[in-house]
Amino acid sequence: MYSYHPTQVSPSHVEPTQVQTISSIDPYVVEALMRLKGRCVLIETTRGAIEGTIIDVKPDHVLLQLHTRQACVRIAEIVWTMPL
C-alpha cells in the first residue's frame, strides 16, 4: 500500500529554511497511469470521482485535462481508475 509521510529535517542536518519531503512511490499505479496517457479516464479518489484526459504522469501526481481546466491529483489519493 502507498504511504506518504512528509518530514521536516532538523536544522542540524540542513539549513533551517529547507524542508525535505519523503514519500513512497507506487510504481504499478504510475506505470498503469502512464499507459493511459492521452486517454479519457474516470479516477475515483478518496474525495470523489474525477473524469478527464490524462495529460502527464509523475511519481506523485497525475495531471488531468477537464472540460475547461486542468486538475492535479495526488496518486496517494487514488482509489481506482477506469479508462472510458
Protein backbone atom coordinates (compact mmCIF):
# COMPACT_ATOMS: atom_id res chain seq x y z
CA MET A 1 0.00 0.00 0.00
CA TYR A 2 1.16 3.52 -0.70
CA SER A 3 2.27 5.59 2.25
CA TYR A 4 3.11 9.27 2.37
CA HIS A 5 4.99 10.78 5.29
CA PRO A 6 6.09 14.41 4.91
CA THR A 7 9.04 15.02 7.17
CA GLN A 8 10.80 18.22 8.10
CA VAL A 9 14.51 17.62 8.58
CA SER A 10 16.02 19.05 11.75
CA PRO A 11 18.14 22.23 11.37
CA SER A 12 21.27 20.38 12.47
CA HIS A 13 21.27 18.48 9.16
CA VAL A 14 20.33 21.27 6.72
CA GLU A 15 19.69 24.98 6.68
CA PRO A 16 16.54 25.91 8.66
CA THR A 17 14.74 27.17 5.55
CA GLN A 18 14.89 23.82 3.73
CA VAL A 19 12.20 21.16 4.03
CA GLN A 20 12.73 17.61 2.85
CA THR A 21 9.74 15.52 1.82
CA ILE A 22 9.99 11.74 1.85
CA SER A 23 7.33 9.67 0.09
CA SER A 24 6.96 6.14 -1.20
CA ILE A 25 6.26 5.66 -4.89
CA ASP A 26 3.76 3.07 -6.11
CA PRO A 27 5.41 2.08 -9.40
CA TYR A 28 2.49 -0.12 -10.51
CA VAL A 29 -0.02 2.72 -10.30
CA VAL A 30 2.37 5.14 -12.01
CA GLU A 31 3.01 2.60 -14.80
CA ALA A 32 -0.71 1.93 -15.27
CA LEU A 33 -1.44 5.66 -15.48
CA MET A 34 1.41 6.17 -17.97
CA ARG A 35 -0.14 3.54 -20.25
CA LEU A 36 -3.38 5.56 -20.17
CA LYS A 37 -1.71 8.87 -21.05
CA GLY A 38 -3.78 10.73 -23.65
CA ARG A 39 -6.92 8.73 -22.88
CA CYS A 40 -10.08 9.78 -21.09
CA VAL A 41 -10.34 8.11 -17.67
CA LEU A 42 -12.52 8.05 -14.61
CA ILE A 43 -10.46 8.31 -11.42
CA GLU A 44 -12.07 7.57 -8.07
CA THR A 45 -10.30 9.42 -5.27
CA THR A 46 -10.84 9.50 -1.53
CA ARG A 47 -12.80 12.75 -2.15
CA GLY A 48 -14.92 11.58 -5.11
CA ALA A 49 -14.73 10.81 -8.82
CA ILE A 50 -12.96 12.90 -11.49
CA GLU A 51 -13.31 12.38 -15.24
CA GLY A 52 -10.73 13.76 -17.64
CA THR A 53 -7.91 13.08 -20.08
CA ILE A 54 -4.51 12.22 -18.66
CA ILE A 55 -2.01 14.86 -19.78
CA ASP A 56 1.03 13.87 -17.72
CA VAL A 57 2.06 11.41 -15.02
CA LYS A 58 4.71 11.99 -12.35
CA PRO A 59 5.75 9.68 -9.48
CA ASP A 60 3.46 11.51 -7.01
CA HIS A 61 0.65 13.02 -9.13
CA VAL A 62 -1.29 12.84 -12.38
CA LEU A 63 -2.34 15.88 -14.43
CA LEU A 64 -5.82 15.72 -15.95
CA GLN A 65 -7.44 17.91 -18.60
CA LEU A 66 -11.02 18.53 -17.56
CA HIS A 67 -13.52 20.33 -19.82
CA THR A 68 -12.11 23.86 -19.49
CA ARG A 69 -9.36 23.50 -16.89
CA GLN A 70 -6.67 21.18 -15.57
CA ALA A 71 -6.52 19.26 -12.31
CA CYS A 72 -3.59 17.76 -10.44
CA VAL A 73 -4.47 14.58 -8.49
CA ARG A 74 -2.11 13.10 -5.93
CA ILE A 75 -1.57 9.41 -6.64
CA ALA A 76 -1.81 8.73 -2.89
CA GLU A 77 -5.48 9.81 -3.09
CA ILE A 78 -6.43 7.50 -5.99
CA VAL A 79 -8.64 4.53 -5.08
CA TRP A 80 -9.11 3.14 -8.63
CA THR A 81 -9.02 4.17 -12.29
CA MET A 82 -11.06 3.14 -15.31
CA PRO A 83 -10.46 4.07 -18.95
CA LEU A 84 -13.56 5.44 -20.71
